[in-house]
Amino acid sequence: MQLKFPVARWPRSCVEVMIPPTSATPRPLKMNEQERTELEAAAFRRLVQHLRSRPDAQNIDLMNLAGFCRNCLSKWYKAAADDLDIEVSLDEAREEVYGMPYAEWKKRYQKDATPEQQAAFDKGQKT
């Protein structure tokens, strides 16, 4: 099953994450599509659990360091649901990633961006 993630649906910062080309050719793993899907799903669940356990890792820092954040994961989750014709709202997708309603997470954990964080974010959006 091939998922399509339409770039036009989301802002540049969350979707157009490009993986740089590499000269190394990856070794093909010996697994079927079901096994691959299960491994990818397990890795996604672990990433989400890790991010839930680290509310001190602010979204702006994630964006500045890695080019994606919890909001990006939420939007990718929603886009995947849309591609599979599964009805999931953006709020529901955010709750899956944040582990609670987004407004509650923001109230509990989100801090105002420092001028340095904001400047790094703005610089990253221009490249």
C-alpha atoms as a PDB file:
ATOM      1  CA  MET A   1       0.000   0.000   0.000  1.00  0.00           C
ATOM      2  CA  GLN A   2       1.534   3.275  -1.120  1.00  0.00           C
ATOM      3  CA  LEU A   3       0.485   6.418   0.756  1.00  0.00           C
ATOM      4  CA  LYS A   4       0.483   9.727  -1.019  1.00  0.00           C
ATOM      5  CA  PHE A   5       1.266  12.805   1.062  1.00  0.00           C
ATOM      6  CA  PRO A   6       0.190  15.829  -0.970  1.00  0.00           C
ATOM      7  CA  VAL A   7       2.603  18.642  -0.298  1.00  0.00           C
ATOM      8  CA  ALA A   8       0.093  21.357  -1.172  1.00  0.00           C
ATOM      9  CA  ARG A   9      -2.030  20.511   1.846  1.00  0.00           C
ATOM     10  CA  TRP A  10       0.401  21.712   4.532  1.00  0.00           C
ATOM     11  CA  PRO A  11       2.853  24.549   5.084  1.00  0.00           C
ATOM     12  CA  ARG A  12       6.388  24.164   3.800  1.00  0.00           C
ATOM     13  CA  SER A  13       7.833  23.737   7.273  1.00  0.00           C
ATOM     14  CA  CYS A  14       5.870  20.561   7.988  1.00  0.00           C
ATOM     15  CA  VAL A  15       5.793  18.747   4.706  1.00  0.00           C
ATOM     16  CA  GLU A  16       8.662  19.515   2.419  1.00  0.00           C
ATOM     17  CA  VAL A  17      11.174  17.716   4.572  1.00  0.00           C
ATOM     18  CA  MET A  18      13.677  16.519   2.061  1.00  0.00           C
ATOM     19  CA  ILE A  19      16.022  13.649   2.743  1.00  0.00           C
ATOM     20  CA  PRO A  20      19.394  14.470   1.232  1.00  0.00           C
ATOM     21  CA  PRO A  21      20.609  12.020  -1.377  1.00  0.00           C
ATOM     22  CA  THR A  22      23.298   9.660  -0.263  1.00  0.00           C
ATOM     23  CA  SER A  23      25.871   7.741  -2.206  1.00  0.00           C
ATOM     24  CA  ALA A  24      25.309   4.668  -0.061  1.00  0.00           C
ATOM     25  CA  THR A  25      22.834   2.178  -1.429  1.00  0.00           C
ATOM     26  CA  PRO A  26      20.689   0.786   1.367  1.00  0.00           C
ATOM     27  CA  ARG A  27      20.631  -2.961   1.711  1.00  0.00           C
ATOM     28  CA  PRO A  28      17.184  -4.292   0.953  1.00  0.00           C
ATOM     29  CA  LEU A  29      15.665  -5.799   4.067  1.00  0.00           C
ATOM     30  CA  LYS A  30      14.272  -9.277   3.747  1.00  0.00           C
ATOM     31  CA  MET A  31      10.692  -8.750   4.806  1.00  0.00           C
ATOM     32  CA  ASN A  32       7.276  -8.640   3.266  1.00  0.00           C
ATOM     33  CA  GLU A  33       5.057  -5.553   3.090  1.00  0.00           C
ATOM     34  CA  GLN A  34       3.078  -6.546   6.208  1.00  0.00           C
ATOM     35  CA  GLU A  35       6.280  -6.895   8.242  1.00  0.00           C
ATOM     36  CA  ARG A  36       7.559  -3.562   6.921  1.00  0.00           C
ATOM     37  CA  THR A  37       4.270  -1.874   7.811  1.00  0.00           C
ATOM     38  CA  GLU A  38       4.358  -3.355  11.313  1.00  0.00           C
ATOM     39  CA  LEU A  39       7.961  -2.225  11.866  1.00  0.00           C
ATOM     40  CA  GLU A  40       7.225   1.276  10.585  1.00  0.00           C
ATOM     41  CA  ALA A  41       4.121   1.506  12.786  1.00  0.00           C
ATOM     42  CA  ALA A  42       6.086   0.343  15.835  1.00  0.00           C
ATOM     43  CA  ALA A  43       8.817   2.906  15.154  1.00  0.00           C
ATOM     44  CA  PHE A  44       6.197   5.659  14.771  1.00  0.00           C
ATOM     45  CA  ARG A  45       4.511   4.647  18.049  1.00  0.00           C
ATOM     46  CA  ARG A  46       7.883   4.692  19.803  1.00  0.00           C
ATOM     47  CA  LEU A  47       8.710   8.132  18.413  1.00  0.00           C
ATOM     48  CA  VAL A  48       5.344   9.479  19.560  1.00  0.00           C
ATOM     49  CA  GLN A  49       5.787   7.919  23.018  1.00  0.00           C
ATOM     50  CA  HIS A  50       9.264   9.419  23.269  1.00  0.00           C
ATOM     51  CA  LEU A  51       7.988  12.878  22.354  1.00  0.00           C
ATOM     52  CA  ARG A  52       5.152  12.541  24.895  1.00  0.00           C
ATOM     53  CA  SER A  53       7.726  11.725  27.564  1.00  0.00           C
ATOM     54  CA  ARG A  54       9.766  14.809  26.657  1.00  0.00           C
ATOM     55  CA  PRO A  55       7.456  17.833  26.855  1.00  0.00           C
ATOM     56  CA  ASP A  56      10.582  19.852  27.674  1.00  0.00           C
ATOM     57  CA  ALA A  57      11.602  19.397  24.033  1.00  0.00           C
ATOM     58  CA  GLN A  58       9.795  22.390  22.623  1.00  0.00           C
ATOM     59  CA  ASN A  59       8.326  22.252  19.119  1.00  0.00           C
ATOM     60  CA  ILE A  60      10.347  25.256  17.991  1.00  0.00           C
ATOM     61  CA  ASP A  61      13.556  23.490  19.067  1.00  0.00           C
ATOM     62  CA  LEU A  62      12.511  20.369  17.171  1.00  0.00           C
ATOM     63  CA  MET A  63      11.813  22.489  14.085  1.00  0.00           C
ATOM     64  CA  ASN A  64      15.136  24.298  14.398  1.00  0.00           C
ATOM     65  CA  LEU A  65      17.137  21.106  14.867  1.00  0.00           C
ATOM     66  CA  ALA A  66      15.265  18.529  12.803  1.00  0.00           C
ATOM     67  CA  GLY A  67      12.913  20.456  10.522  1.00  0.00           C
ATOM     68  CA  PHE A  68       9.771  18.829  11.948  1.00  0.00           C
ATOM     69  CA  CYS A  69       7.804  18.875  15.195  1.00  0.00           C
ATOM     70  CA  ARG A  70       4.786  17.326  16.888  1.00  0.00           C
ATOM     71  CA  ASN A  71       2.476  19.457  14.756  1.00  0.00           C
ATOM     72  CA  CYS A  72       4.142  18.119  11.621  1.00  0.00           C
ATOM     73  CA  LEU A  73       3.644  14.536  12.804  1.00  0.00           C
ATOM     74  CA  SER A  74      -0.008  15.345  13.494  1.00  0.00           C
ATOM     75  CA  LYS A  75      -0.462  16.735   9.988  1.00  0.00           C
ATOM     76  CA  TRP A  76       1.275  13.733   8.435  1.00  0.00           C
ATOM     77  CA  TYR A  77      -0.991  11.433  10.462  1.00  0.00           C
ATOM     78  CA  LYS A  78      -4.049  13.290   9.182  1.00  0.00           C
ATOM     79  CA  ALA A  79      -2.754  13.249   5.601  1.00  0.00           C
ATOM     80  CA  ALA A  80      -2.224   9.477   5.822  1.00  0.00           C
ATOM     81  CA  ALA A  81      -5.776   9.048   7.151  1.00  0.00           C
ATOM     82  CA  ASP A  82      -7.097  11.179   4.295  1.00  0.00           C
ATOM     83  CA  ASP A  83      -5.182   9.075   1.774  1.00  0.00           C
ATOM     84  CA  LEU A  84      -6.820   5.954   3.191  1.00  0.00           C
ATOM     85  CA  ASP A  85     -10.267   7.591   3.353  1.00  0.00           C
ATOM     86  CA  ILE A  86     -10.280   7.322   7.151  1.00  0.00           C
ATOM     87  CA  GLU A  87     -12.058  10.199   8.824  1.00  0.00           C
ATOM     88  CA  VAL A  88      -9.648  11.829  11.285  1.00  0.00           C
ATOM     89  CA  SER A  89      -9.769  15.512  12.145  1.00  0.00           C
ATOM     90  CA  LEU A  90      -6.621  17.538  12.709  1.00  0.00           C
ATOM     91  CA  ASP A  91      -7.597  17.867  16.381  1.00  0.00           C
ATOM     92  CA  GLU A  92      -7.919  14.076  16.658  1.00  0.00           C
ATOM     93  CA  ALA A  93      -4.549  13.613  14.946  1.00  0.00           C
ATOM     94  CA  ARG A  94      -2.961  16.101  17.339  1.00  0.00           C
ATOM     95  CA  GLU A  95      -4.415  14.266  20.311  1.00  0.00           C
ATOM     96  CA  GLU A  96      -2.886  11.027  19.004  1.00  0.00           C
ATOM     97  CA  VAL A  97       0.539  12.665  18.855  1.00  0.00           C
ATOM     98  CA  TYR A  98       0.360  14.873  21.949  1.00  0.00           C
ATOM     99  CA  GLY A  99      -1.472  12.336  24.116  1.00  0.00           C
ATOM    100  CA  MET A 100      -3.978  14.994  25.164  1.00  0.00           C
ATOM    101  CA  PRO A 101      -5.895  17.827  23.529  1.00  0.00           C
ATOM    102  CA  TYR A 102      -3.512  20.264  21.865  1.00  0.00           C
ATOM    103  CA  ALA A 103      -4.822  23.263  23.834  1.00  0.00           C
ATOM    104  CA  GLU A 104      -4.147  21.434  27.091  1.00  0.00           C
ATOM    105  CA  TRP A 105      -0.597  20.502  26.013  1.00  0.00           C
ATOM    106  CA  LYS A 106       0.123  24.089  25.034  1.00  0.00           C
ATOM    107  CA  LYS A 107      -1.188  25.364  28.371  1.00  0.00           C
ATOM    108  CA  ARG A 108       0.862  22.844  30.363  1.00  0.00           C
ATOM    109  CA  TYR A 109       4.119  22.722  28.433  1.00  0.00           C
ATOM    110  CA  GLN A 110       4.576  25.261  25.661  1.00  0.00           C
ATOM    111  CA  LYS A 111       6.836  28.173  26.461  1.00  0.00           C
ATOM    112  CA  ASP A 112       7.160  31.408  24.556  1.00  0.00           C
ATOM    113  CA  ALA A 113       9.931  31.241  22.010  1.00  0.00           C
ATOM    114  CA  THR A 114      13.054  33.149  22.910  1.00  0.00           C
ATOM    115  CA  PRO A 115      14.269  35.755  20.411  1.00  0.00           C
ATOM    116  CA  GLU A 116      17.115  33.370  19.531  1.00  0.00           C
ATOM    117  CA  GLN A 117      14.749  30.448  18.897  1.00  0.00           C
ATOM    118  CA  GLN A 118      12.482  32.611  16.760  1.00  0.00           C
ATOM    119  CA  ALA A 119      15.405  34.008  14.761  1.00  0.00           C
ATOM    120  CA  ALA A 120      16.688  30.475  14.083  1.00  0.00           C
ATOM    121  CA  PHE A 121      13.208  29.382  13.044  1.00  0.00           C
ATOM    122  CA  ASP A 122      12.762  32.376  10.729  1.00  0.00           C
ATOM    123  CA  LYS A 123      16.185  31.758   9.170  1.00  0.00           C
ATOM    124  CA  GLY A 124      15.314  28.094   8.596  1.00  0.00           C
ATOM    125  CA  GLN A 125      12.061  29.008   6.855  1.00  0.00           C
ATOM    126  CA  LYS A 126      13.929  31.135   4.299  1.00  0.00           C
ATOM    127  CA  THR A 127      16.259  28.347   3.169  1.00  0.00           C
END
